Amino acid sequence: KARVFRSVHALLKPGGEFYFSDVYADRRLPEALRHDPVAQGECLGGALYWNDFLNIAKAAGFADPRLVSDEPIEINNRALRERLGQARFHSATYRLFKIDGLEPACEDYGQAVIYKGGLAHSGDALVLDSHHLIEKGRIFPVCGNTYRMLKESRFAPYFDFIGDSATHYGIFPGCGTASPFGQGSAEASSGACC
């Protein structure tokens, strides 16, 4: 799959996007399960561990893969379910943008967008991914990566853009990454750290 992603990245123009749907596992599967004929027949044997997929996509140049949709896969075959153990599977679709220089985390630059409407199948709102439902006419705060995905892609004509990247305010709240440090005040530390 790594070669496929590198090839797709090379074919896309800057700002281009690629949708990828597949079956993902919540862990790496043992070799025996990966080659199990029943698991393969159910499209589970070849399921990638979701974090391996993200790393492959990033290594190919898709710096910030966005989950668009996902559904858990129910295993009805009792014998197969027992062989799979605690492994869980999802059918998922990701949106991958070819935009150079995206950051590895969602950073806050005080930016926002306003969806103007006009996109086919996105009349009153655009669903960019599973975390971004952007309503028409509403000021919608976004991280730097989302701002660039919208501004440097086919979506640009459908948005007004507010702000720039001149001032960095830290990690963007609610994107799954938080400061590892406590919330104490700046005055709380009075001694040397070593």
C-alpha atoms as a PDB file:
ATOM      1  CA  LYS A   1       0.000   0.000   0.000  1.00  0.00           C
ATOM      2  CA  ALA A   2       2.919   2.349   0.619  1.00  0.00           C
ATOM      3  CA  ARG A   3       3.845   2.206  -3.072  1.00  0.00           C
ATOM      4  CA  VAL A   4       0.231   2.936  -4.069  1.00  0.00           C
ATOM      5  CA  PHE A   5       0.123   6.029  -1.838  1.00  0.00           C
ATOM      6  CA  ARG A   6       3.456   7.306  -3.160  1.00  0.00           C
ATOM      7  CA  SER A   7       2.210   6.836  -6.736  1.00  0.00           C
ATOM      8  CA  VAL A   8      -1.082   8.628  -6.053  1.00  0.00           C
ATOM      9  CA  HIS A   9       0.771  11.483  -4.346  1.00  0.00           C
ATOM     10  CA  ALA A  10       3.044  11.833  -7.374  1.00  0.00           C
ATOM     11  CA  LEU A  11       0.041  11.946  -9.738  1.00  0.00           C
ATOM     12  CA  LEU A  12      -1.953  14.556  -7.825  1.00  0.00           C
ATOM     13  CA  LYS A  13      -1.454  18.236  -8.480  1.00  0.00           C
ATOM     14  CA  PRO A  14      -0.855  20.515  -5.451  1.00  0.00           C
ATOM     15  CA  GLY A  15      -4.128  20.852  -3.545  1.00  0.00           C
ATOM     16  CA  GLY A  16      -5.471  17.630  -5.037  1.00  0.00           C
ATOM     17  CA  GLU A  17      -7.290  15.154  -2.854  1.00  0.00           C
ATOM     18  CA  PHE A  18      -7.626  11.401  -2.719  1.00  0.00           C
ATOM     19  CA  TYR A  19     -10.346   9.399  -1.002  1.00  0.00           C
ATOM     20  CA  PHE A  20      -9.315   6.006   0.311  1.00  0.00           C
ATOM     21  CA  SER A  21     -11.772   3.464   1.706  1.00  0.00           C
ATOM     22  CA  ASP A  22     -10.611   0.253   3.336  1.00  0.00           C
ATOM     23  CA  VAL A  23     -11.024  -2.069   6.306  1.00  0.00           C
ATOM     24  CA  TYR A  24      -8.910  -1.206   9.344  1.00  0.00           C
ATOM     25  CA  ALA A  25      -8.076  -3.100  12.518  1.00  0.00           C
ATOM     26  CA  ASP A  26      -7.519  -1.671  15.985  1.00  0.00           C
ATOM     27  CA  ARG A  27      -4.247  -3.618  16.228  1.00  0.00           C
ATOM     28  CA  ARG A  28      -1.683  -5.412  14.063  1.00  0.00           C
ATOM     29  CA  LEU A  29      -2.939  -8.875  13.200  1.00  0.00           C
ATOM     30  CA  PRO A  30      -0.800 -11.973  13.756  1.00  0.00           C
ATOM     31  CA  GLU A  31       0.605 -13.532  10.582  1.00  0.00           C
ATOM     32  CA  ALA A  32      -1.642 -16.602  10.900  1.00  0.00           C
ATOM     33  CA  LEU A  33      -4.761 -14.409  10.897  1.00  0.00           C
ATOM     34  CA  ARG A  34      -3.527 -12.339   7.985  1.00  0.00           C
ATOM     35  CA  HIS A  35      -3.312 -15.521   5.892  1.00  0.00           C
ATOM     36  CA  ASP A  36      -6.419 -17.222   7.269  1.00  0.00           C
ATOM     37  CA  PRO A  37      -8.636 -18.029   4.236  1.00  0.00           C
ATOM     38  CA  VAL A  38     -11.881 -17.208   6.056  1.00  0.00           C
ATOM     39  CA  ALA A  39     -10.497 -13.908   7.403  1.00  0.00           C
ATOM     40  CA  GLN A  40      -9.275 -13.024   3.906  1.00  0.00           C
ATOM     41  CA  GLY A  41     -12.650 -13.951   2.422  1.00  0.00           C
ATOM     42  CA  GLU A  42     -14.324 -11.564   4.881  1.00  0.00           C
ATOM     43  CA  CYS A  43     -11.821  -8.785   3.936  1.00  0.00           C
ATOM     44  CA  LEU A  44     -10.383  -8.861   7.458  1.00  0.00           C
ATOM     45  CA  GLY A  45      -7.107 -10.721   6.923  1.00  0.00           C
ATOM     46  CA  GLY A  46      -5.579  -7.848   4.985  1.00  0.00           C
ATOM     47  CA  ALA A  47      -6.887  -5.142   7.295  1.00  0.00           C
ATOM     48  CA  LEU A  48      -4.256  -2.575   8.178  1.00  0.00           C
ATOM     49  CA  TYR A  49      -3.787  -1.436  11.738  1.00  0.00           C
ATOM     50  CA  TRP A  50      -5.237   2.106  11.579  1.00  0.00           C
ATOM     51  CA  ASN A  51      -2.089   3.778  12.941  1.00  0.00           C
ATOM     52  CA  ASP A  52       0.108   1.956  10.411  1.00  0.00           C
ATOM     53  CA  PHE A  53      -2.164   3.352   7.688  1.00  0.00           C
ATOM     54  CA  LEU A  54      -1.715   6.893   9.034  1.00  0.00           C
ATOM     55  CA  ASN A  55       2.069   6.471   9.099  1.00  0.00           C
ATOM     56  CA  ILE A  56       2.129   5.070   5.542  1.00  0.00           C
ATOM     57  CA  ALA A  57      -0.023   7.941   4.269  1.00  0.00           C
ATOM     58  CA  LYS A  58       2.155  10.543   6.017  1.00  0.00           C
ATOM     59  CA  ALA A  59       5.364   8.966   4.701  1.00  0.00           C
ATOM     60  CA  ALA A  60       3.918   9.169   1.171  1.00  0.00           C
ATOM     61  CA  GLY A  61       3.399  12.934   1.582  1.00  0.00           C
ATOM     62  CA  PHE A  62      -0.189  13.118   2.874  1.00  0.00           C
ATOM     63  CA  ALA A  63       0.726  14.918   6.089  1.00  0.00           C
ATOM     64  CA  ASP A  64      -2.711  15.159   7.718  1.00  0.00           C
ATOM     65  CA  PRO A  65      -5.062  12.284   6.758  1.00  0.00           C
ATOM     66  CA  ARG A  66      -8.674  13.100   7.628  1.00  0.00           C
ATOM     67  CA  LEU A  67     -11.200  10.443   8.623  1.00  0.00           C
ATOM     68  CA  VAL A  68     -14.423  11.149   6.727  1.00  0.00           C
ATOM     69  CA  SER A  69     -16.576   8.243   7.878  1.00  0.00           C
ATOM     70  CA  ASP A  70     -16.304   4.924   9.658  1.00  0.00           C
ATOM     71  CA  GLU A  71     -18.555   2.029  10.593  1.00  0.00           C
ATOM     72  CA  PRO A  72     -17.759  -0.890  12.888  1.00  0.00           C
ATOM     73  CA  ILE A  73     -17.756  -4.267  11.188  1.00  0.00           C
ATOM     74  CA  GLU A  74     -19.801  -6.918  12.930  1.00  0.00           C
ATOM     75  CA  ILE A  75     -18.328 -10.419  12.772  1.00  0.00           C
ATOM     76  CA  ASN A  76     -21.222 -12.877  12.543  1.00  0.00           C
ATOM     77  CA  ASN A  77     -19.154 -16.012  11.972  1.00  0.00           C
ATOM     78  CA  ARG A  78     -18.645 -17.334  15.507  1.00  0.00           C
ATOM     79  CA  ALA A  79     -15.568 -19.432  14.695  1.00  0.00           C
ATOM     80  CA  LEU A  80     -13.895 -16.487  12.959  1.00  0.00           C
ATOM     81  CA  ARG A  81     -14.805 -14.139  15.806  1.00  0.00           C
ATOM     82  CA  GLU A  82     -13.083 -16.524  18.233  1.00  0.00           C
ATOM     83  CA  ARG A  83      -9.948 -16.685  16.049  1.00  0.00           C
ATOM     84  CA  LEU A  84      -9.862 -12.883  15.821  1.00  0.00           C
ATOM     85  CA  GLY A  85      -9.849 -12.562  19.618  1.00  0.00           C
ATOM     86  CA  GLN A  86     -10.129  -8.967  20.798  1.00  0.00           C
ATOM     87  CA  ALA A  87      -9.328  -7.417  17.406  1.00  0.00           C
ATOM     88  CA  ARG A  88     -11.982  -4.968  16.215  1.00  0.00           C
ATOM     89  CA  PHE A  89     -12.514  -3.785  12.650  1.00  0.00           C
ATOM     90  CA  HIS A  90     -13.953  -0.724  10.931  1.00  0.00           C
ATOM     91  CA  SER A  91     -14.781   0.140   7.368  1.00  0.00           C
ATOM     92  CA  ALA A  92     -13.504   3.689   6.949  1.00  0.00           C
ATOM     93  CA  THR A  93     -12.958   6.386   4.354  1.00  0.00           C
ATOM     94  CA  TYR A  94     -10.097   8.876   4.591  1.00  0.00           C
ATOM     95  CA  ARG A  95      -9.559  12.105   2.682  1.00  0.00           C
ATOM     96  CA  LEU A  96      -5.918  12.808   1.843  1.00  0.00           C
ATOM     97  CA  PHE A  97      -4.738  16.177   0.514  1.00  0.00           C
ATOM     98  CA  LYS A  98      -1.530  16.836  -1.379  1.00  0.00           C
ATOM     99  CA  ILE A  99      -0.482  20.065   0.319  1.00  0.00           C
ATOM    100  CA  ASP A 100       3.178  20.602   1.132  1.00  0.00           C
ATOM    101  CA  GLY A 101       4.151  21.934   4.534  1.00  0.00           C
ATOM    102  CA  LEU A 102       1.160  20.840   6.602  1.00  0.00           C
ATOM    103  CA  GLU A 103       2.054  20.565  10.260  1.00  0.00           C
ATOM    104  CA  PRO A 104       2.130  17.247  12.160  1.00  0.00           C
ATOM    105  CA  ALA A 105      -0.446  18.541  14.670  1.00  0.00           C
ATOM    106  CA  CYS A 106      -3.403  20.921  14.610  1.00  0.00           C
ATOM    107  CA  GLU A 107      -1.909  24.314  15.429  1.00  0.00           C
ATOM    108  CA  ASP A 108      -3.922  27.418  16.333  1.00  0.00           C
ATOM    109  CA  TYR A 109      -3.256  30.641  14.413  1.00  0.00           C
ATOM    110  CA  GLY A 110      -6.567  32.311  15.243  1.00  0.00           C
ATOM    111  CA  GLN A 111      -7.902  31.517  11.783  1.00  0.00           C
ATOM    112  CA  ALA A 112     -11.485  30.918  10.720  1.00  0.00           C
ATOM    113  CA  VAL A 113     -13.473  30.235   7.570  1.00  0.00           C
ATOM    114  CA  ILE A 114     -16.983  31.006   6.362  1.00  0.00           C
ATOM    115  CA  TYR A 115     -18.622  28.547   3.985  1.00  0.00           C
ATOM    116  CA  LYS A 116     -20.458  30.520   1.288  1.00  0.00           C
ATOM    117  CA  GLY A 117     -22.359  27.526  -0.095  1.00  0.00           C
ATOM    118  CA  GLY A 118     -22.511  26.451  -3.706  1.00  0.00           C
ATOM    119  CA  LEU A 119     -20.804  23.058  -3.513  1.00  0.00           C
ATOM    120  CA  ALA A 120     -22.795  20.180  -4.990  1.00  0.00           C
ATOM    121  CA  HIS A 121     -24.172  17.910  -2.248  1.00  0.00           C
ATOM    122  CA  SER A 122     -23.112  20.445   0.411  1.00  0.00           C
ATOM    123  CA  GLY A 123     -25.872  23.038   0.307  1.00  0.00           C
ATOM    124  CA  ASP A 124     -26.231  24.135   3.932  1.00  0.00           C
ATOM    125  CA  ALA A 125     -23.004  22.623   5.263  1.00  0.00           C
ATOM    126  CA  LEU A 126     -19.754  21.040   4.123  1.00  0.00           C
ATOM    127  CA  VAL A 127     -18.620  17.878   5.859  1.00  0.00           C
ATOM    128  CA  LEU A 128     -14.856  18.069   5.460  1.00  0.00           C
ATOM    129  CA  ASP A 129     -14.247  15.113   7.749  1.00  0.00           C
ATOM    130  CA  SER A 130     -15.686  13.456  10.843  1.00  0.00           C
ATOM    131  CA  HIS A 131     -14.706  16.468  13.002  1.00  0.00           C
ATOM    132  CA  HIS A 132     -15.563  19.349  10.673  1.00  0.00           C
ATOM    133  CA  LEU A 133     -19.162  20.096   9.703  1.00  0.00           C
ATOM    134  CA  ILE A 134     -18.933  23.676   8.465  1.00  0.00           C
ATOM    135  CA  GLU A 135     -22.320  25.391   8.273  1.00  0.00           C
ATOM    136  CA  LYS A 136     -23.047  27.915   5.539  1.00  0.00           C
ATOM    137  CA  GLY A 137     -22.681  31.540   6.666  1.00  0.00           C
ATOM    138  CA  ARG A 138     -21.212  30.733  10.075  1.00  0.00           C
ATOM    139  CA  ILE A 139     -17.749  31.826  11.222  1.00  0.00           C
ATOM    140  CA  PHE A 140     -15.984  28.531  11.894  1.00  0.00           C
ATOM    141  CA  PRO A 141     -12.618  28.529  13.751  1.00  0.00           C
ATOM    142  CA  VAL A 142     -10.094  26.124  12.203  1.00  0.00           C
ATOM    143  CA  CYS A 143      -6.544  24.952  12.764  1.00  0.00           C
ATOM    144  CA  GLY A 144      -3.799  25.963  10.362  1.00  0.00           C
ATOM    145  CA  ASN A 145      -3.943  22.667   8.449  1.00  0.00           C
ATOM    146  CA  THR A 146      -7.703  22.841   7.889  1.00  0.00           C
ATOM    147  CA  TYR A 147      -7.372  26.483   6.793  1.00  0.00           C
ATOM    148  CA  ARG A 148      -4.777  25.487   4.197  1.00  0.00           C
ATOM    149  CA  MET A 149      -6.725  22.408   3.048  1.00  0.00           C
ATOM    150  CA  LEU A 150      -9.661  24.638   2.240  1.00  0.00           C
ATOM    151  CA  LYS A 151      -7.656  27.573   0.845  1.00  0.00           C
ATOM    152  CA  GLU A 152      -5.254  25.546  -1.324  1.00  0.00           C
ATOM    153  CA  SER A 153      -7.737  23.066  -2.802  1.00  0.00           C
ATOM    154  CA  ARG A 154     -10.864  22.946  -4.956  1.00  0.00           C
ATOM    155  CA  PHE A 155     -12.811  24.293  -1.958  1.00  0.00           C
ATOM    156  CA  ALA A 156     -11.237  27.784  -2.012  1.00  0.00           C
ATOM    157  CA  PRO A 157     -13.916  29.529  -4.144  1.00  0.00           C
ATOM    158  CA  TYR A 158     -16.620  28.419  -1.708  1.00  0.00           C
ATOM    159  CA  PHE A 159     -15.070  30.003   1.385  1.00  0.00           C
ATOM    160  CA  ASP A 160     -14.114  33.330   2.864  1.00  0.00           C
ATOM    161  CA  PHE A 161     -10.896  33.134   4.869  1.00  0.00           C
ATOM    162  CA  ILE A 162     -10.201  35.051   8.074  1.00  0.00           C
ATOM    163  CA  GLY A 163      -6.698  35.501   9.496  1.00  0.00           C
ATOM    164  CA  ASP A 164      -3.217  34.434   8.555  1.00  0.00           C
ATOM    165  CA  SER A 165      -0.445  32.442  10.195  1.00  0.00           C
ATOM    166  CA  ALA A 166       1.463  35.398  11.673  1.00  0.00           C
ATOM    167  CA  THR A 167       0.637  34.625  15.312  1.00  0.00           C
ATOM    168  CA  HIS A 168       0.770  31.149  16.817  1.00  0.00           C
ATOM    169  CA  TYR A 169      -1.482  30.481  19.833  1.00  0.00           C
ATOM    170  CA  GLY A 170      -0.377  26.906  20.559  1.00  0.00           C
ATOM    171  CA  ILE A 171      -2.163  23.663  19.874  1.00  0.00           C
ATOM    172  CA  PHE A 172      -5.681  23.946  18.442  1.00  0.00           C
ATOM    173  CA  PRO A 173      -8.170  22.878  21.127  1.00  0.00           C
ATOM    174  CA  GLY A 174     -10.250  19.787  20.463  1.00  0.00           C
ATOM    175  CA  CYS A 175      -8.070  18.181  17.793  1.00  0.00           C
ATOM    176  CA  GLY A 176      -6.945  15.229  19.885  1.00  0.00           C
ATOM    177  CA  THR A 177      -3.652  16.708  21.030  1.00  0.00           C
ATOM    178  CA  ALA A 178      -3.258  18.665  24.223  1.00  0.00           C
ATOM    179  CA  SER A 179      -0.418  20.221  26.145  1.00  0.00           C
ATOM    180  CA  PRO A 180       1.315  17.588  28.273  1.00  0.00           C
ATOM    181  CA  PHE A 181       1.837  20.139  31.034  1.00  0.00           C
ATOM    182  CA  GLY A 182      -0.378  20.954  34.001  1.00  0.00           C
ATOM    183  CA  GLN A 183      -2.585  24.016  34.017  1.00  0.00           C
ATOM    184  CA  GLY A 184      -0.771  25.896  36.810  1.00  0.00           C
ATOM    185  CA  SER A 185      -0.074  29.604  36.580  1.00  0.00           C
ATOM    186  CA  ALA A 186       3.143  31.089  35.233  1.00  0.00           C
ATOM    187  CA  GLU A 187       4.045  32.205  38.768  1.00  0.00           C
ATOM    188  CA  ALA A 188       3.630  28.698  40.231  1.00  0.00           C
ATOM    189  CA  SER A 189       7.160  27.553  39.444  1.00  0.00           C
ATOM    190  CA  SER A 190       9.673  29.267  41.684  1.00  0.00           C
ATOM    191  CA  GLY A 191      12.620  26.910  41.670  1.00  0.00           C
ATOM    192  CA  ALA A 192      15.087  25.501  39.213  1.00  0.00           C
ATOM    193  CA  CYS A 193      13.938  22.473  37.260  1.00  0.00           C
ATOM    194  CA  CYS A 194      17.030  20.343  37.814  1.00  0.00           C
END
